[in-house]
Amino acid sequence: GFHTCVGSGGERQTAEWYKEKGIEMIYEDPVTETDFESKTLTTQSGKQLKYGSLIISTGCIASRYYLLLLTFNPLV
């Protein structure tokens, strides 16, 4: 299921967590217009949302880095 986590060891943020905090989650209705002056967002379905502070989250993909160690012995 869906969840995000605050840092390491943070509180698991499930759909119920957001509901308990009075946060409305809107799925599969992307924002198509942003009016920064009136602090209004319009979604693809036409829903208009007012905001006080806007955080734009674009998501992320974990990066994995591999370290390759080579041993070089010029005497061999």
PDB file of N, CA and C in Angstrom:
ATOM      1  N   GLY A   1       0.798  -1.185   0.000  1.00  0.00           N
ATOM      2  CA  GLY A   1       0.000   0.000   0.000  1.00  0.00           C
ATOM      3  C   GLY A   1       0.847   1.259   0.000  1.00  0.00           C
ATOM      4  N   PHE A   2       0.177   2.371  -0.134  1.00  0.00           N
ATOM      5  CA  PHE A   2       0.832   3.671  -0.194  1.00  0.00           C
ATOM      6  C   PHE A   2       1.305   4.102   1.184  1.00  0.00           C
ATOM      7  N   HIS A   3       2.500   4.618   1.258  1.00  0.00           N
ATOM      8  CA  HIS A   3       2.962   5.275   2.476  1.00  0.00           C
ATOM      9  C   HIS A   3       4.241   6.038   2.181  1.00  0.00           C
ATOM     10  N   THR A   4       4.478   7.027   2.999  1.00  0.00           N
ATOM     11  CA  THR A   4       5.756   7.712   2.974  1.00  0.00           C
ATOM     12  C   THR A   4       6.299   7.634   4.387  1.00  0.00           C
ATOM     13  N   CYS A   5       7.532   7.956   4.559  1.00  0.00           N
ATOM     14  CA  CYS A   5       8.141   7.861   5.878  1.00  0.00           C
ATOM     15  C   CYS A   5       8.982   9.105   6.130  1.00  0.00           C
ATOM     16  N   VAL A   6       8.926   9.620   7.324  1.00  0.00           N
ATOM     17  CA  VAL A   6       9.689  10.807   7.683  1.00  0.00           C
ATOM     18  C   VAL A   6      11.086  10.389   8.082  1.00  0.00           C
ATOM     19  N   GLY A   7      12.077  10.727   7.257  1.00  0.00           N
ATOM     20  CA  GLY A   7      13.464  10.399   7.589  1.00  0.00           C
ATOM     21  C   GLY A   7      13.639   8.920   7.870  1.00  0.00           C
ATOM     22  N   SER A   8      14.578   8.603   8.685  1.00  0.00           N
ATOM     23  CA  SER A   8      14.773   7.205   9.056  1.00  0.00           C
ATOM     24  C   SER A   8      14.141   6.970  10.419  1.00  0.00           C
ATOM     25  N   GLY A   9      13.327   5.952  10.490  1.00  0.00           N
ATOM     26  CA  GLY A   9      12.681   5.611  11.753  1.00  0.00           C
ATOM     27  C   GLY A   9      11.494   6.501  12.087  1.00  0.00           C
ATOM     28  N   GLY A  10      11.036   7.272  11.116  1.00  0.00           N
ATOM     29  CA  GLY A  10       9.919   8.186  11.356  1.00  0.00           C
ATOM     30  C   GLY A  10       8.585   7.462  11.383  1.00  0.00           C
ATOM     31  N   GLU A  11       7.553   8.203  11.671  1.00  0.00           N
ATOM     32  CA  GLU A  11       6.207   7.665  11.755  1.00  0.00           C
ATOM     33  C   GLU A  11       5.719   7.273  10.365  1.00  0.00           C
ATOM     34  N   ARG A  12       5.191   6.079  10.230  1.00  0.00           N
ATOM     35  CA  ARG A  12       4.678   5.599   8.941  1.00  0.00           C
ATOM     36  C   ARG A  12       3.444   6.416   8.575  1.00  0.00           C
ATOM     37  N   GLN A  13       3.444   6.969   7.378  1.00  0.00           N
ATOM     38  CA  GLN A  13       2.350   7.836   6.954  1.00  0.00           C
ATOM     39  C   GLN A  13       1.443   7.102   5.968  1.00  0.00           C
ATOM     40  N   THR A  14       0.466   6.417   6.517  1.00  0.00           N
ATOM     41  CA  THR A  14      -0.508   5.681   5.720  1.00  0.00           C
ATOM     42  C   THR A  14      -1.655   6.622   5.358  1.00  0.00           C
ATOM     43  N   ALA A  15      -2.592   6.151   4.554  1.00  0.00           N
ATOM     44  CA  ALA A  15      -3.770   6.940   4.205  1.00  0.00           C
ATOM     45  C   ALA A  15      -4.542   7.334   5.474  1.00  0.00           C
ATOM     46  N   GLU A  16      -4.598   6.438   6.448  1.00  0.00           N
ATOM     47  CA  GLU A  16      -5.287   6.731   7.708  1.00  0.00           C
ATOM     48  C   GLU A  16      -4.577   7.847   8.481  1.00  0.00           C
ATOM     49  N   TRP A  17      -3.240   7.867   8.435  1.00  0.00           N
ATOM     50  CA  TRP A  17      -2.462   8.902   9.118  1.00  0.00           C
ATOM     51  C   TRP A  17      -2.849  10.277   8.580  1.00  0.00           C
ATOM     52  N   TYR A  18      -2.912  10.400   7.257  1.00  0.00           N
ATOM     53  CA  TYR A  18      -3.290  11.680   6.648  1.00  0.00           C
ATOM     54  C   TYR A  18      -4.709  12.087   7.065  1.00  0.00           C
ATOM     55  N   LYS A  19      -5.632  11.123   7.050  1.00  0.00           N
ATOM     56  CA  LYS A  19      -7.024  11.408   7.424  1.00  0.00           C
ATOM     57  C   LYS A  19      -7.107  11.906   8.867  1.00  0.00           C
ATOM     58  N   GLU A  20      -6.374  11.252   9.784  1.00  0.00           N
ATOM     59  CA  GLU A  20      -6.359  11.662  11.191  1.00  0.00           C
ATOM     60  C   GLU A  20      -5.838  13.089  11.363  1.00  0.00           C
ATOM     61  N   LYS A  21      -4.927  13.501  10.492  1.00  0.00           N
ATOM     62  CA  LYS A  21      -4.338  14.848  10.579  1.00  0.00           C
ATOM     63  C   LYS A  21      -5.135  15.889   9.799  1.00  0.00           C
ATOM     64  N   GLY A  22      -6.269  15.479   9.200  1.00  0.00           N
ATOM     65  CA  GLY A  22      -7.108  16.416   8.448  1.00  0.00           C
ATOM     66  C   GLY A  22      -6.543  16.775   7.081  1.00  0.00           C
ATOM     67  N   ILE A  23      -5.711  15.880   6.521  1.00  0.00           N
ATOM     68  CA  ILE A  23      -5.100  16.120   5.214  1.00  0.00           C
ATOM     69  C   ILE A  23      -5.847  15.298   4.179  1.00  0.00           C
ATOM     70  N   GLU A  24      -6.341  15.972   3.144  1.00  0.00           N
ATOM     71  CA  GLU A  24      -7.056  15.286   2.075  1.00  0.00           C
ATOM     72  C   GLU A  24      -6.060  14.839   1.011  1.00  0.00           C
ATOM     73  N   MET A  25      -6.041  13.551   0.732  1.00  0.00           N
ATOM     74  CA  MET A  25      -5.183  13.014  -0.323  1.00  0.00           C
ATOM     75  C   MET A  25      -6.012  12.926  -1.595  1.00  0.00           C
ATOM     76  N   ILE A  26      -5.474  13.437  -2.691  1.00  0.00           N
ATOM     77  CA  ILE A  26      -6.170  13.389  -3.976  1.00  0.00           C
ATOM     78  C   ILE A  26      -5.312  12.563  -4.927  1.00  0.00           C
ATOM     79  N   TYR A  27      -5.886  11.479  -5.426  1.00  0.00           N
ATOM     80  CA  TYR A  27      -5.156  10.562  -6.291  1.00  0.00           C
ATOM     81  C   TYR A  27      -5.667  10.669  -7.727  1.00  0.00           C
ATOM     82  N   GLU A  28      -4.765  10.462  -8.664  1.00  0.00           N
ATOM     83  CA  GLU A  28      -5.079  10.348 -10.084  1.00  0.00           C
ATOM     84  C   GLU A  28      -5.901  11.517 -10.616  1.00  0.00           C
ATOM     85  N   ASP A  29      -5.602  12.721 -10.160  1.00  0.00           N
ATOM     86  CA  ASP A  29      -6.236  13.951 -10.655  1.00  0.00           C
ATOM     87  C   ASP A  29      -5.152  15.029 -10.680  1.00  0.00           C
ATOM     88  N   PRO A  30      -4.245  14.949 -11.660  1.00  0.00           N
ATOM     89  CA  PRO A  30      -3.090  15.854 -11.662  1.00  0.00           C
ATOM     90  C   PRO A  30      -3.466  17.326 -11.784  1.00  0.00           C
ATOM     91  N   VAL A  31      -2.627  18.162 -11.194  1.00  0.00           N
ATOM     92  CA  VAL A  31      -2.794  19.613 -11.295  1.00  0.00           C
ATOM     93  C   VAL A  31      -2.412  20.033 -12.710  1.00  0.00           C
ATOM     94  N   THR A  32      -3.299  20.809 -13.337  1.00  0.00           N
ATOM     95  CA  THR A  32      -3.052  21.269 -14.703  1.00  0.00           C
ATOM     96  C   THR A  32      -2.773  22.767 -14.770  1.00  0.00           C
ATOM     97  N   GLU A  33      -3.193  23.505 -13.737  1.00  0.00           N
ATOM     98  CA  GLU A  33      -2.961  24.949 -13.702  1.00  0.00           C
ATOM     99  C   GLU A  33      -2.587  25.373 -12.288  1.00  0.00           C
ATOM    100  N   THR A  34      -1.687  26.329 -12.193  1.00  0.00           N
ATOM    101  CA  THR A  34      -1.282  26.899 -10.914  1.00  0.00           C
ATOM    102  C   THR A  34      -1.346  28.404 -11.018  1.00  0.00           C
ATOM    103  N   ASP A  35      -2.079  29.030 -10.106  1.00  0.00           N
ATOM    104  CA  ASP A  35      -2.142  30.493 -10.043  1.00  0.00           C
ATOM    105  C   ASP A  35      -1.467  30.902  -8.734  1.00  0.00           C
ATOM    106  N   PHE A  36      -0.214  31.326  -8.834  1.00  0.00           N
ATOM    107  CA  PHE A  36       0.559  31.650  -7.646  1.00  0.00           C
ATOM    108  C   PHE A  36       0.058  32.916  -6.957  1.00  0.00           C
ATOM    109  N   GLU A  37      -0.516  33.834  -7.710  1.00  0.00           N
ATOM    110  CA  GLU A  37      -1.010  35.080  -7.099  1.00  0.00           C
ATOM    111  C   GLU A  37      -2.227  34.828  -6.212  1.00  0.00           C
ATOM    112  N   SER A  38      -3.169  34.015  -6.700  1.00  0.00           N
ATOM    113  CA  SER A  38      -4.367  33.732  -5.902  1.00  0.00           C
ATOM    114  C   SER A  38      -4.224  32.468  -5.058  1.00  0.00           C
ATOM    115  N   LYS A  39      -3.051  31.811  -5.153  1.00  0.00           N
ATOM    116  CA  LYS A  39      -2.774  30.567  -4.415  1.00  0.00           C
ATOM    117  C   LYS A  39      -3.865  29.528  -4.669  1.00  0.00           C
ATOM    118  N   THR A  40      -4.088  29.263  -5.968  1.00  0.00           N
ATOM    119  CA  THR A  40      -5.116  28.327  -6.386  1.00  0.00           C
ATOM    120  C   THR A  40      -4.538  27.316  -7.371  1.00  0.00           C
ATOM    121  N   LEU A  41      -4.931  26.055  -7.195  1.00  0.00           N
ATOM    122  CA  LEU A  41      -4.565  24.990  -8.113  1.00  0.00           C
ATOM    123  C   LEU A  41      -5.829  24.492  -8.787  1.00  0.00           C
ATOM    124  N   THR A  42      -5.720  24.127 -10.053  1.00  0.00           N
ATOM    125  CA  THR A  42      -6.839  23.520 -10.770  1.00  0.00           C
ATOM    126  C   THR A  42      -6.388  22.148 -11.236  1.00  0.00           C
ATOM    127  N   THR A  43      -7.222  21.131 -10.961  1.00  0.00           N
ATOM    128  CA  THR A  43      -6.870  19.768 -11.351  1.00  0.00           C
ATOM    129  C   THR A  43      -7.469  19.435 -12.716  1.00  0.00           C
ATOM    130  N   GLN A  44      -7.067  18.310 -13.252  1.00  0.00           N
ATOM    131  CA  GLN A  44      -7.539  17.867 -14.562  1.00  0.00           C
ATOM    132  C   GLN A  44      -9.059  17.741 -14.600  1.00  0.00           C
ATOM    133  N   SER A  45      -9.676  17.349 -13.484  1.00  0.00           N
ATOM    134  CA  SER A  45     -11.135  17.193 -13.436  1.00  0.00           C
ATOM    135  C   SER A  45     -11.856  18.526 -13.242  1.00  0.00           C
ATOM    136  N   GLY A  46     -11.088  19.618 -13.055  1.00  0.00           N
ATOM    137  CA  GLY A  46     -11.693  20.938 -12.866  1.00  0.00           C
ATOM    138  C   GLY A  46     -11.821  21.366 -11.419  1.00  0.00           C
ATOM    139  N   LYS A  47     -11.434  20.514 -10.505  1.00  0.00           N
ATOM    140  CA  LYS A  47     -11.497  20.853  -9.078  1.00  0.00           C
ATOM    141  C   LYS A  47     -10.517  21.981  -8.786  1.00  0.00           C
ATOM    142  N   GLN A  48     -10.966  23.010  -8.038  1.00  0.00           N
ATOM    143  CA  GLN A  48     -10.093  24.119  -7.656  1.00  0.00           C
ATOM    144  C   GLN A  48      -9.750  24.000  -6.176  1.00  0.00           C
ATOM    145  N   LEU A  49      -8.462  24.152  -5.888  1.00  0.00           N
ATOM    146  CA  LEU A  49      -7.960  24.000  -4.529  1.00  0.00           C
ATOM    147  C   LEU A  49      -7.211  25.259  -4.123  1.00  0.00           C
ATOM    148  N   LYS A  50      -7.547  25.799  -2.947  1.00  0.00           N
ATOM    149  CA  LYS A  50      -6.816  26.946  -2.386  1.00  0.00           C
ATOM    150  C   LYS A  50      -5.759  26.395  -1.444  1.00  0.00           C
ATOM    151  N   TYR A  51      -4.625  27.079  -1.381  1.00  0.00           N
ATOM    152  CA  TYR A  51      -3.561  26.647  -0.478  1.00  0.00           C
ATOM    153  C   TYR A  51      -2.951  27.844   0.227  1.00  0.00           C
ATOM    154  N   GLY A  52      -2.339  27.572   1.377  1.00  0.00           N
ATOM    155  CA  GLY A  52      -1.607  28.592   2.111  1.00  0.00           C
ATOM    156  C   GLY A  52      -0.129  28.511   1.788  1.00  0.00           C
ATOM    157  N   SER A  53       0.405  27.309   1.838  1.00  0.00           N
ATOM    158  CA  SER A  53       1.794  27.044   1.465  1.00  0.00           C
ATOM    159  C   SER A  53       1.774  25.896   0.474  1.00  0.00           C
ATOM    160  N   LEU A  54       2.585  25.995  -0.562  1.00  0.00           N
ATOM    161  CA  LEU A  54       2.616  24.972  -1.591  1.00  0.00           C
ATOM    162  C   LEU A  54       3.979  24.291  -1.597  1.00  0.00           C
ATOM    163  N   ILE A  55       3.961  22.969  -1.499  1.00  0.00           N
ATOM    164  CA  ILE A  55       5.177  22.170  -1.614  1.00  0.00           C
ATOM    165  C   ILE A  55       5.025  21.328  -2.868  1.00  0.00           C
ATOM    166  N   ILE A  56       5.957  21.462  -3.788  1.00  0.00           N
ATOM    167  CA  ILE A  56       5.906  20.681  -5.019  1.00  0.00           C
ATOM    168  C   ILE A  56       6.839  19.486  -4.851  1.00  0.00           C
ATOM    169  N   SER A  57       6.249  18.304  -4.896  1.00  0.00           N
ATOM    170  CA  SER A  57       7.009  17.073  -4.740  1.00  0.00           C
ATOM    171  C   SER A  57       6.956  16.311  -6.049  1.00  0.00           C
ATOM    172  N   THR A  58       8.113  16.060  -6.617  1.00  0.00           N
ATOM    173  CA  THR A  58       8.162  15.387  -7.912  1.00  0.00           C
ATOM    174  C   THR A  58       8.474  13.910  -7.804  1.00  0.00           C
ATOM    175  N   GLY A  59       8.641  13.412  -6.577  1.00  0.00           N
ATOM    176  CA  GLY A  59       8.952  12.002  -6.390  1.00  0.00           C
ATOM    177  C   GLY A  59      10.437  11.751  -6.522  1.00  0.00           C
ATOM    178  N   CYS A  60      10.809  10.514  -6.390  1.00  0.00           N
ATOM    179  CA  CYS A  60      12.225  10.184  -6.506  1.00  0.00           C
ATOM    180  C   CYS A  60      12.389   8.705  -6.790  1.00  0.00           C
ATOM    181  N   ILE A  61      13.558   8.373  -7.240  1.00  0.00           N
ATOM    182  CA  ILE A  61      13.959   6.986  -7.444  1.00  0.00           C
ATOM    183  C   ILE A  61      15.267   6.806  -6.686  1.00  0.00           C
ATOM    184  N   ALA A  62      15.332   5.763  -5.904  1.00  0.00           N
ATOM    185  CA  ALA A  62      16.555   5.511  -5.134  1.00  0.00           C
ATOM    186  C   ALA A  62      17.717   5.237  -6.083  1.00  0.00           C
ATOM    187  N   SER A  63      18.838   5.820  -5.782  1.00  0.00           N
ATOM    188  CA  SER A  63      20.049   5.585  -6.567  1.00  0.00           C
ATOM    189  C   SER A  63      20.914   4.574  -5.851  1.00  0.00           C
ATOM    190  N   ARG A  64      21.480   3.679  -6.590  1.00  0.00           N
ATOM    191  CA  ARG A  64      22.389   2.687  -6.017  1.00  0.00           C
ATOM    192  C   ARG A  64      23.761   2.915  -6.630  1.00  0.00           C
ATOM    193  N   TYR A  65      24.727   3.045  -5.773  1.00  0.00           N
ATOM    194  CA  TYR A  65      26.093   3.243  -6.221  1.00  0.00           C
ATOM    195  C   TYR A  65      26.915   2.011  -5.877  1.00  0.00           C
ATOM    196  N   TYR A  66      27.670   1.564  -6.828  1.00  0.00           N
ATOM    197  CA  TYR A  66      28.507   0.393  -6.611  1.00  0.00           C
ATOM    198  C   TYR A  66      29.965   0.840  -6.648  1.00  0.00           C
ATOM    199  N   LEU A  67      30.721   0.339  -5.730  1.00  0.00           N
ATOM    200  CA  LEU A  67      32.136   0.665  -5.643  1.00  0.00           C
ATOM    201  C   LEU A  67      32.929  -0.529  -6.149  1.00  0.00           C
ATOM    202  N   LEU A  68      33.709  -0.308  -7.179  1.00  0.00           N
ATOM    203  CA  LEU A  68      34.541  -1.356  -7.740  1.00  0.00           C
ATOM    204  C   LEU A  68      35.970  -1.105  -7.305  1.00  0.00           C
ATOM    205  N   LEU A  69      36.512  -2.030  -6.565  1.00  0.00           N
ATOM    206  CA  LEU A  69      37.885  -1.901  -6.080  1.00  0.00           C
ATOM    207  C   LEU A  69      38.797  -2.795  -6.921  1.00  0.00           C
ATOM    208  N   LEU A  70      39.799  -2.200  -7.481  1.00  0.00           N
ATOM    209  CA  LEU A  70      40.782  -2.950  -8.252  1.00  0.00           C
ATOM    210  C   LEU A  70      42.112  -2.870  -7.529  1.00  0.00           C
ATOM    211  N   THR A  71      42.780  -3.989  -7.451  1.00  0.00           N
ATOM    212  CA  THR A  71      44.100  -4.024  -6.820  1.00  0.00           C
ATOM    213  C   THR A  71      45.139  -4.052  -7.936  1.00  0.00           C
ATOM    214  N   PHE A  72      46.041  -3.135  -7.880  1.00  0.00           N
ATOM    215  CA  PHE A  72      47.081  -3.053  -8.888  1.00  0.00           C
ATOM    216  C   PHE A  72      48.429  -3.271  -8.217  1.00  0.00           C
ATOM    217  N   ASN A  73      49.119  -4.270  -8.693  1.00  0.00           N
ATOM    218  CA  ASN A  73      50.449  -4.562  -8.154  1.00  0.00           C
ATOM    219  C   ASN A  73      51.430  -4.501  -9.316  1.00  0.00           C
ATOM    220  N   PRO A  74      52.215  -3.420  -9.443  1.00  0.00           N
ATOM    221  CA  PRO A  74      53.120  -3.278 -10.584  1.00  0.00           C
ATOM    222  C   PRO A  74      54.289  -4.250 -10.569  1.00  0.00           C
ATOM    223  N   LEU A  75      54.491  -4.977  -9.489  1.00  0.00           N
ATOM    224  CA  LEU A  75      55.613  -5.903  -9.403  1.00  0.00           C
ATOM    225  C   LEU A  75      55.279  -7.284  -9.955  1.00  0.00           C
ATOM    226  N   VAL A  76      54.027  -7.533 -10.275  1.00  0.00           N
ATOM    227  CA  VAL A  76      53.622  -8.867 -10.762  1.00  0.00           C
ATOM    228  C   VAL A  76      53.763  -8.926 -12.257  1.00  0.00           C
TER     229      VAL A  76
END
